[in-house]
């Protein structure tokens, strides 16, 4: 017998998973000095821009992606500066 899942149920599950993921990143980010976190994000955003050849118009995208990258690294206990994805 096939199980039918409504789009509302899938949406609720995804929303709950997104909230949990954001919450975990927030916990990891809360354990570090805000200025150090900002410096790590700035460094990761710089490396993203560098890989793209510093093409303008992607600054916010680079910053937001770097925030996720750094917060995820902080959550799982990996030093962002040692993360090959940053370099």
PDB file of N, CA and C in Angstrom:
ATOM      1  N   UNK A   1       0.846  -1.171   0.000  1.00  0.00           N
ATOM      2  CA  UNK A   1       0.000   0.000   0.000  1.00  0.00           C
ATOM      3  C   UNK A   1       0.893   1.235   0.000  1.00  0.00           C
ATOM      4  N   UNK A   2       0.665   2.140  -0.885  1.00  0.00           N
ATOM      5  CA  UNK A   2       1.472   3.349  -1.019  1.00  0.00           C
ATOM      6  C   UNK A   2       1.053   4.382   0.018  1.00  0.00           C
ATOM      7  N   UNK A   3       2.039   5.078   0.517  1.00  0.00           N
ATOM      8  CA  UNK A   3       1.771   6.150   1.469  1.00  0.00           C
ATOM      9  C   UNK A   3       1.715   7.464   0.712  1.00  0.00           C
ATOM     10  N   UNK A   4       0.699   8.227   0.967  1.00  0.00           N
ATOM     11  CA  UNK A   4       0.532   9.512   0.307  1.00  0.00           C
ATOM     12  C   UNK A   4       0.883  10.600   1.312  1.00  0.00           C
ATOM     13  N   UNK A   5       1.796  11.475   0.908  1.00  0.00           N
ATOM     14  CA  UNK A   5       2.197  12.593   1.767  1.00  0.00           C
ATOM     15  C   UNK A   5       1.770  13.880   1.097  1.00  0.00           C
ATOM     16  N   UNK A   6       1.030  14.671   1.810  1.00  0.00           N
ATOM     17  CA  UNK A   6       0.549  15.920   1.220  1.00  0.00           C
ATOM     18  C   UNK A   6       1.681  16.928   1.126  1.00  0.00           C
ATOM     19  N   UNK A   7       1.528  17.900   0.260  1.00  0.00           N
ATOM     20  CA  UNK A   7       2.544  18.945   0.117  1.00  0.00           C
ATOM     21  C   UNK A   7       2.653  19.763   1.400  1.00  0.00           C
ATOM     22  N   UNK A   8       1.567  19.894   2.146  1.00  0.00           N
ATOM     23  CA  UNK A   8       1.602  20.623   3.410  1.00  0.00           C
ATOM     24  C   UNK A   8       2.475  19.892   4.423  1.00  0.00           C
ATOM     25  N   UNK A   9       2.381  18.564   4.445  1.00  0.00           N
ATOM     26  CA  UNK A   9       3.200  17.764   5.357  1.00  0.00           C
ATOM     27  C   UNK A   9       4.665  17.886   4.983  1.00  0.00           C
ATOM     28  N   UNK A  10       4.982  17.789   3.688  1.00  0.00           N
ATOM     29  CA  UNK A  10       6.367  17.924   3.233  1.00  0.00           C
ATOM     30  C   UNK A  10       6.901  19.302   3.576  1.00  0.00           C
ATOM     31  N   UNK A  11       6.085  20.326   3.390  1.00  0.00           N
ATOM     32  CA  UNK A  11       6.489  21.692   3.687  1.00  0.00           C
ATOM     33  C   UNK A  11       6.775  21.848   5.173  1.00  0.00           C
ATOM     34  N   UNK A  12       5.934  21.264   6.012  1.00  0.00           N
ATOM     35  CA  UNK A  12       6.126  21.345   7.461  1.00  0.00           C
ATOM     36  C   UNK A  12       7.403  20.629   7.868  1.00  0.00           C
ATOM     37  N   UNK A  13       7.657  19.472   7.292  1.00  0.00           N
ATOM     38  CA  UNK A  13       8.878  18.731   7.607  1.00  0.00           C
ATOM     39  C   UNK A  13      10.110  19.526   7.209  1.00  0.00           C
ATOM     40  N   UNK A  14      10.079  20.100   6.019  1.00  0.00           N
ATOM     41  CA  UNK A  14      11.217  20.881   5.551  1.00  0.00           C
ATOM     42  C   UNK A  14      11.414  22.108   6.436  1.00  0.00           C
ATOM     43  N   UNK A  15      10.340  22.774   6.784  1.00  0.00           N
ATOM     44  CA  UNK A  15      10.412  23.952   7.635  1.00  0.00           C
ATOM     45  C   UNK A  15      11.013  23.597   8.987  1.00  0.00           C
ATOM     46  N   UNK A  16      10.595  22.472   9.554  1.00  0.00           N
ATOM     47  CA  UNK A  16      11.123  22.027  10.843  1.00  0.00           C
ATOM     48  C   UNK A  16      12.603  21.704  10.728  1.00  0.00           C
ATOM     49  N   UNK A  17      13.006  21.043   9.651  1.00  0.00           N
ATOM     50  CA  UNK A  17      14.410  20.708   9.443  1.00  0.00           C
ATOM     51  C   UNK A  17      15.240  21.972   9.261  1.00  0.00           C
ATOM     52  N   UNK A  18      14.719  22.942   8.523  1.00  0.00           N
ATOM     53  CA  UNK A  18      15.425  24.210   8.323  1.00  0.00           C
ATOM     54  C   UNK A  18      15.618  24.933   9.642  1.00  0.00           C
ATOM     55  N   UNK A  19      14.577  24.946  10.487  1.00  0.00           N
ATOM     56  CA  UNK A  19      14.672  25.609  11.786  1.00  0.00           C
ATOM     57  C   UNK A  19      15.711  24.921  12.662  1.00  0.00           C
ATOM     58  N   UNK A  20      15.744  23.602  12.645  1.00  0.00           N
ATOM     59  CA  UNK A  20      16.718  22.860  13.452  1.00  0.00           C
ATOM     60  C   UNK A  20      18.131  23.145  12.971  1.00  0.00           C
ATOM     61  N   UNK A  21      18.315  23.195  11.674  1.00  0.00           N
ATOM     62  CA  UNK A  21      19.632  23.480  11.111  1.00  0.00           C
ATOM     63  C   UNK A  21      20.091  24.878  11.499  1.00  0.00           C
ATOM     64  N   UNK A  22      19.203  25.858  11.391  1.00  0.00           N
ATOM     65  CA  UNK A  22      19.554  27.231  11.781  1.00  0.00           C
ATOM     66  C   UNK A  22      19.862  27.303  13.261  1.00  0.00           C
ATOM     67  N   UNK A  23      19.109  26.562  14.058  1.00  0.00           N
ATOM     68  CA  UNK A  23      19.316  26.555  15.499  1.00  0.00           C
ATOM     69  C   UNK A  23      20.677  25.970  15.848  1.00  0.00           C
ATOM     70  N   UNK A  24      21.070  24.885  15.188  1.00  0.00           N
ATOM     71  CA  UNK A  24      22.375  24.277  15.434  1.00  0.00           C
ATOM     72  C   UNK A  24      23.486  25.239  15.050  1.00  0.00           C
ATOM     73  N   UNK A  25      23.355  25.921  13.914  1.00  0.00           N
ATOM     74  CA  UNK A  25      24.378  26.881  13.499  1.00  0.00           C
ATOM     75  C   UNK A  25      24.455  28.025  14.500  1.00  0.00           C
ATOM     76  N   UNK A  26      23.311  28.453  15.011  1.00  0.00           N
ATOM     77  CA  UNK A  26      23.292  29.549  15.972  1.00  0.00           C
ATOM     78  C   UNK A  26      24.010  29.150  17.252  1.00  0.00           C
ATOM     79  N   UNK A  27      23.842  27.908  17.688  1.00  0.00           N
ATOM     80  CA  UNK A  27      24.519  27.443  18.900  1.00  0.00           C
ATOM     81  C   UNK A  27      26.019  27.461  18.686  1.00  0.00           C
ATOM     82  N   UNK A  28      26.495  26.936  17.558  1.00  0.00           N
ATOM     83  CA  UNK A  28      27.927  26.942  17.274  1.00  0.00           C
ATOM     84  C   UNK A  28      28.470  28.347  17.171  1.00  0.00           C
ATOM     85  N   UNK A  29      27.734  29.218  16.550  1.00  0.00           N
ATOM     86  CA  UNK A  29      28.169  30.600  16.379  1.00  0.00           C
ATOM     87  C   UNK A  29      28.167  31.344  17.705  1.00  0.00           C
ATOM     88  N   UNK A  30      27.298  30.945  18.620  1.00  0.00           N
ATOM     89  CA  UNK A  30      27.212  31.622  19.912  1.00  0.00           C
ATOM     90  C   UNK A  30      28.415  31.306  20.794  1.00  0.00           C
ATOM     91  N   UNK A  31      29.147  30.261  20.493  1.00  0.00           N
ATOM     92  CA  UNK A  31      30.280  29.844  21.308  1.00  0.00           C
ATOM     93  C   UNK A  31      31.575  30.558  20.945  1.00  0.00           C
ATOM     94  N   UNK A  32      31.543  31.467  20.023  1.00  0.00           N
ATOM     95  CA  UNK A  32      32.737  32.171  19.573  1.00  0.00           C
ATOM     96  C   UNK A  32      32.515  33.677  19.708  1.00  0.00           C
ATOM     97  N   UNK A  33      33.597  34.389  19.916  1.00  0.00           N
ATOM     98  CA  UNK A  33      33.528  35.842  19.990  1.00  0.00           C
ATOM     99  C   UNK A  33      32.944  36.382  18.676  1.00  0.00           C
ATOM    100  N   UNK A  34      31.952  37.268  18.741  1.00  0.00           N
ATOM    101  CA  UNK A  34      31.315  37.782  17.517  1.00  0.00           C
ATOM    102  C   UNK A  34      32.304  38.423  16.541  1.00  0.00           C
ATOM    103  N   UNK A  35      33.317  39.093  17.059  1.00  0.00           N
ATOM    104  CA  UNK A  35      34.302  39.715  16.157  1.00  0.00           C
ATOM    105  C   UNK A  35      35.142  38.658  15.448  1.00  0.00           C
ATOM    106  N   UNK A  36      35.472  37.564  16.141  1.00  0.00           N
ATOM    107  CA  UNK A  36      36.234  36.471  15.519  1.00  0.00           C
ATOM    108  C   UNK A  36      35.381  35.794  14.455  1.00  0.00           C
ATOM    109  N   UNK A  37      34.094  35.579  14.754  1.00  0.00           N
ATOM    110  CA  UNK A  37      33.178  34.978  13.775  1.00  0.00           C
ATOM    111  C   UNK A  37      33.087  35.856  12.529  1.00  0.00           C
ATOM    112  N   UNK A  38      32.958  37.165  12.737  1.00  0.00           N
ATOM    113  CA  UNK A  38      32.870  38.083  11.608  1.00  0.00           C
ATOM    114  C   UNK A  38      34.142  38.035  10.766  1.00  0.00           C
ATOM    115  N   UNK A  39      35.305  37.948  11.418  1.00  0.00           N
ATOM    116  CA  UNK A  39      36.578  37.871  10.692  1.00  0.00           C
ATOM    117  C   UNK A  39      36.655  36.583   9.872  1.00  0.00           C
ATOM    118  N   UNK A  40      36.186  35.478  10.431  1.00  0.00           N
ATOM    119  CA  UNK A  40      36.180  34.210   9.692  1.00  0.00           C
ATOM    120  C   UNK A  40      35.246  34.284   8.485  1.00  0.00           C
ATOM    121  N   UNK A  41      34.096  34.911   8.670  1.00  0.00           N
ATOM    122  CA  UNK A  41      33.140  35.065   7.567  1.00  0.00           C
ATOM    123  C   UNK A  41      33.744  35.956   6.481  1.00  0.00           C
ATOM    124  N   UNK A  42      34.367  37.048   6.887  1.00  0.00           N
ATOM    125  CA  UNK A  42      34.983  37.965   5.914  1.00  0.00           C
ATOM    126  C   UNK A  42      36.063  37.243   5.110  1.00  0.00           C
ATOM    127  N   UNK A  43      36.859  36.430   5.785  1.00  0.00           N
ATOM    128  CA  UNK A  43      37.921  35.692   5.093  1.00  0.00           C
ATOM    129  C   UNK A  43      37.331  34.689   4.103  1.00  0.00           C
ATOM    130  N   UNK A  44      36.304  33.953   4.541  1.00  0.00           N
ATOM    131  CA  UNK A  44      35.677  32.979   3.654  1.00  0.00           C
ATOM    132  C   UNK A  44      35.013  33.673   2.463  1.00  0.00           C
ATOM    133  N   UNK A  45      34.371  34.817   2.690  1.00  0.00           N
ATOM    134  CA  UNK A  45      33.734  35.569   1.601  1.00  0.00           C
ATOM    135  C   UNK A  45      34.785  36.085   0.626  1.00  0.00           C
ATOM    136  N   UNK A  46      35.929  36.530   1.155  1.00  0.00           N
ATOM    137  CA  UNK A  46      37.015  37.001   0.299  1.00  0.00           C
ATOM    138  C   UNK A  46      37.496  35.876  -0.617  1.00  0.00           C
ATOM    139  N   UNK A  47      37.705  34.687  -0.045  1.00  0.00           N
ATOM    140  CA  UNK A  47      38.183  33.568  -0.865  1.00  0.00           C
ATOM    141  C   UNK A  47      37.162  33.168  -1.919  1.00  0.00           C
ATOM    142  N   UNK A  48      35.884  33.272  -1.585  1.00  0.00           N
ATOM    143  CA  UNK A  48      34.853  32.988  -2.587  1.00  0.00           C
ATOM    144  C   UNK A  48      34.932  34.000  -3.734  1.00  0.00           C
ATOM    145  N   UNK A  49      35.081  35.271  -3.392  1.00  0.00           N
ATOM    146  CA  UNK A  49      35.187  36.315  -4.415  1.00  0.00           C
ATOM    147  C   UNK A  49      36.448  36.126  -5.247  1.00  0.00           C
ATOM    148  N   UNK A  50      37.522  35.759  -4.599  1.00  0.00           N
ATOM    149  CA  UNK A  50      38.790  35.538  -5.304  1.00  0.00           C
ATOM    150  C   UNK A  50      38.662  34.418  -6.330  1.00  0.00           C
ATOM    151  N   UNK A  51      38.023  33.321  -5.939  1.00  0.00           N
ATOM    152  CA  UNK A  51      37.834  32.198  -6.869  1.00  0.00           C
ATOM    153  C   UNK A  51      37.002  32.605  -8.074  1.00  0.00           C
ATOM    154  N   UNK A  52      36.133  33.599  -7.909  1.00  0.00           N
ATOM    155  CA  UNK A  52      35.278  34.069  -8.988  1.00  0.00           C
ATOM    156  C   UNK A  52      35.940  35.188  -9.777  1.00  0.00           C
ATOM    157  N   UNK A  53      37.156  35.584  -9.391  1.00  0.00           N
ATOM    158  CA  UNK A  53      37.843  36.659 -10.091  1.00  0.00           C
ATOM    159  C   UNK A  53      37.379  38.039  -9.658  1.00  0.00           C
ATOM    160  N   UNK A  54      36.824  38.153  -8.462  1.00  0.00           N
ATOM    161  CA  UNK A  54      36.334  39.422  -7.899  1.00  0.00           C
ATOM    162  C   UNK A  54      35.303  40.107  -8.787  1.00  0.00           C
ATOM    163  N   UNK A  55      34.528  39.315  -9.508  1.00  0.00           N
ATOM    164  CA  UNK A  55      33.449  39.857 -10.330  1.00  0.00           C
ATOM    165  C   UNK A  55      32.432  40.532  -9.412  1.00  0.00           C
ATOM    166  N   UNK A  56      32.085  41.769  -9.713  1.00  0.00           N
ATOM    167  CA  UNK A  56      31.171  42.514  -8.832  1.00  0.00           C
ATOM    168  C   UNK A  56      29.737  42.008  -8.960  1.00  0.00           C
ATOM    169  N   UNK A  57      28.957  42.341  -7.943  1.00  0.00           N
ATOM    170  CA  UNK A  57      27.540  41.984  -7.950  1.00  0.00           C
ATOM    171  C   UNK A  57      27.214  40.725  -7.172  1.00  0.00           C
ATOM    172  N   UNK A  58      28.215  40.093  -6.568  1.00  0.00           N
ATOM    173  CA  UNK A  58      27.984  38.849  -5.826  1.00  0.00           C
ATOM    174  C   UNK A  58      28.378  38.966  -4.357  1.00  0.00           C
ATOM    175  N   UNK A  59      28.550  40.199  -3.881  1.00  0.00           N
ATOM    176  CA  UNK A  59      29.056  40.412  -2.528  1.00  0.00           C
ATOM    177  C   UNK A  59      28.134  39.825  -1.465  1.00  0.00           C
ATOM    178  N   UNK A  60      26.845  40.081  -1.575  1.00  0.00           N
ATOM    179  CA  UNK A  60      25.889  39.565  -0.581  1.00  0.00           C
ATOM    180  C   UNK A  60      25.822  38.042  -0.640  1.00  0.00           C
ATOM    181  N   UNK A  61      25.822  37.501  -1.846  1.00  0.00           N
ATOM    182  CA  UNK A  61      25.806  36.049  -2.020  1.00  0.00           C
ATOM    183  C   UNK A  61      27.037  35.417  -1.370  1.00  0.00           C
ATOM    184  N   UNK A  62      28.206  36.018  -1.600  1.00  0.00           N
ATOM    185  CA  UNK A  62      29.446  35.516  -0.999  1.00  0.00           C
ATOM    186  C   UNK A  62      29.376  35.568   0.520  1.00  0.00           C
ATOM    187  N   UNK A  63      28.885  36.677   1.055  1.00  0.00           N
ATOM    188  CA  UNK A  63      28.816  36.849   2.506  1.00  0.00           C
ATOM    189  C   UNK A  63      27.856  35.831   3.126  1.00  0.00           C
ATOM    190  N   UNK A  64      26.681  35.688   2.540  1.00  0.00           N
ATOM    191  CA  UNK A  64      25.694  34.756   3.101  1.00  0.00           C
ATOM    192  C   UNK A  64      26.180  33.312   3.032  1.00  0.00           C
ATOM    193  N   UNK A  65      26.798  32.937   1.930  1.00  0.00           N
ATOM    194  CA  UNK A  65      27.347  31.583   1.808  1.00  0.00           C
ATOM    195  C   UNK A  65      28.478  31.372   2.812  1.00  0.00           C
ATOM    196  N   UNK A  66      29.292  32.396   3.017  1.00  0.00           N
ATOM    197  CA  UNK A  66      30.383  32.305   3.989  1.00  0.00           C
ATOM    198  C   UNK A  66      29.835  32.176   5.409  1.00  0.00           C
ATOM    199  N   UNK A  67      28.746  32.873   5.712  1.00  0.00           N
ATOM    200  CA  UNK A  67      28.118  32.736   7.036  1.00  0.00           C
ATOM    201  C   UNK A  67      27.689  31.295   7.292  1.00  0.00           C
ATOM    202  N   UNK A  68      27.032  30.702   6.318  1.00  0.00           N
ATOM    203  CA  UNK A  68      26.583  29.317   6.464  1.00  0.00           C
ATOM    204  C   UNK A  68      27.791  28.403   6.631  1.00  0.00           C
ATOM    205  N   UNK A  69      28.807  28.605   5.809  1.00  0.00           N
ATOM    206  CA  UNK A  69      30.016  27.780   5.862  1.00  0.00           C
ATOM    207  C   UNK A  69      30.695  27.862   7.232  1.00  0.00           C
ATOM    208  N   UNK A  70      30.887  29.069   7.729  1.00  0.00           N
ATOM    209  CA  UNK A  70      31.555  29.270   9.015  1.00  0.00           C
ATOM    210  C   UNK A  70      30.700  28.735  10.156  1.00  0.00           C
ATOM    211  N   UNK A  71      29.413  29.042  10.153  1.00  0.00           N
ATOM    212  CA  UNK A  71      28.536  28.574  11.226  1.00  0.00           C
ATOM    213  C   UNK A  71      28.447  27.048  11.237  1.00  0.00           C
ATOM    214  N   UNK A  72      28.420  26.444  10.067  1.00  0.00           N
ATOM    215  CA  UNK A  72      28.403  24.984   9.986  1.00  0.00           C
ATOM    216  C   UNK A  72      29.700  24.416  10.532  1.00  0.00           C
ATOM    217  N   UNK A  73      30.821  25.002  10.153  1.00  0.00           N
ATOM    218  CA  UNK A  73      32.117  24.544  10.663  1.00  0.00           C
ATOM    219  C   UNK A  73      32.190  24.693  12.179  1.00  0.00           C
ATOM    220  N   UNK A  74      31.669  25.784  12.707  1.00  0.00           N
ATOM    221  CA  UNK A  74      31.672  25.993  14.153  1.00  0.00           C
ATOM    222  C   UNK A  74      30.777  24.977  14.855  1.00  0.00           C
ATOM    223  N   UNK A  75      29.683  24.632  14.227  1.00  0.00           N
ATOM    224  CA  UNK A  75      28.746  23.682  14.812  1.00  0.00           C
ATOM    225  C   UNK A  75      29.353  22.283  14.913  1.00  0.00           C
ATOM    226  N   UNK A  76      30.067  21.873  13.877  1.00  0.00           N
ATOM    227  CA  UNK A  76      30.644  20.519  13.892  1.00  0.00           C
ATOM    228  C   UNK A  76      32.054  20.493  14.460  1.00  0.00           C
ATOM    229  N   UNK A  77      32.578  21.658  14.827  1.00  0.00           N
ATOM    230  CA  UNK A  77      33.872  21.707  15.479  1.00  0.00           C
ATOM    231  C   UNK A  77      35.066  21.716  14.561  1.00  0.00           C
ATOM    232  N   UNK A  78      34.888  22.157  13.335  1.00  0.00           N
ATOM    233  CA  UNK A  78      35.991  22.237  12.384  1.00  0.00           C
ATOM    234  C   UNK A  78      36.445  23.675  12.307  1.00  0.00           C
ATOM    235  N   UNK A  79      37.733  23.895  12.328  1.00  0.00           N
ATOM    236  CA  UNK A  79      38.251  25.255  12.193  1.00  0.00           C
ATOM    237  C   UNK A  79      38.056  25.717  10.770  1.00  0.00           C
ATOM    238  N   UNK A  80      37.288  26.784  10.530  1.00  0.00           N
ATOM    239  CA  UNK A  80      37.045  27.256   9.169  1.00  0.00           C
ATOM    240  C   UNK A  80      38.326  27.568   8.414  1.00  0.00           C
ATOM    241  N   UNK A  81      39.378  28.004   9.094  1.00  0.00           N
ATOM    242  CA  UNK A  81      40.614  28.338   8.408  1.00  0.00           C
ATOM    243  C   UNK A  81      41.331  27.090   7.899  1.00  0.00           C
ATOM    244  N   UNK A  82      41.013  25.905   8.446  1.00  0.00           N
ATOM    245  CA  UNK A  82      41.592  24.652   7.988  1.00  0.00           C
ATOM    246  C   UNK A  82      40.684  23.917   7.022  1.00  0.00           C
ATOM    247  N   UNK A  83      39.561  24.518   6.690  1.00  0.00           N
ATOM    248  CA  UNK A  83      38.591  23.900   5.806  1.00  0.00           C
ATOM    249  C   UNK A  83      39.031  24.105   4.360  1.00  0.00           C
ATOM    250  N   UNK A  84      39.303  22.998   3.619  1.00  0.00           N
ATOM    251  CA  UNK A  84      39.747  23.146   2.223  1.00  0.00           C
ATOM    252  C   UNK A  84      38.766  23.897   1.343  1.00  0.00           C
ATOM    253  N   UNK A  85      37.489  23.887   1.689  1.00  0.00           N
ATOM    254  CA  UNK A  85      36.494  24.587   0.882  1.00  0.00           C
ATOM    255  C   UNK A  85      36.702  26.084   0.959  1.00  0.00           C
ATOM    256  N   UNK A  86      37.293  26.566   2.041  1.00  0.00           N
ATOM    257  CA  UNK A  86      37.529  28.005   2.211  1.00  0.00           C
ATOM    258  C   UNK A  86      38.745  28.433   1.403  1.00  0.00           C
ATOM    259  N   UNK A  87      39.715  27.557   1.306  1.00  0.00           N
ATOM    260  CA  UNK A  87      40.975  27.930   0.652  1.00  0.00           C
ATOM    261  C   UNK A  87      40.889  27.773  -0.792  1.00  0.00           C
TER     262      UNK A  87
END
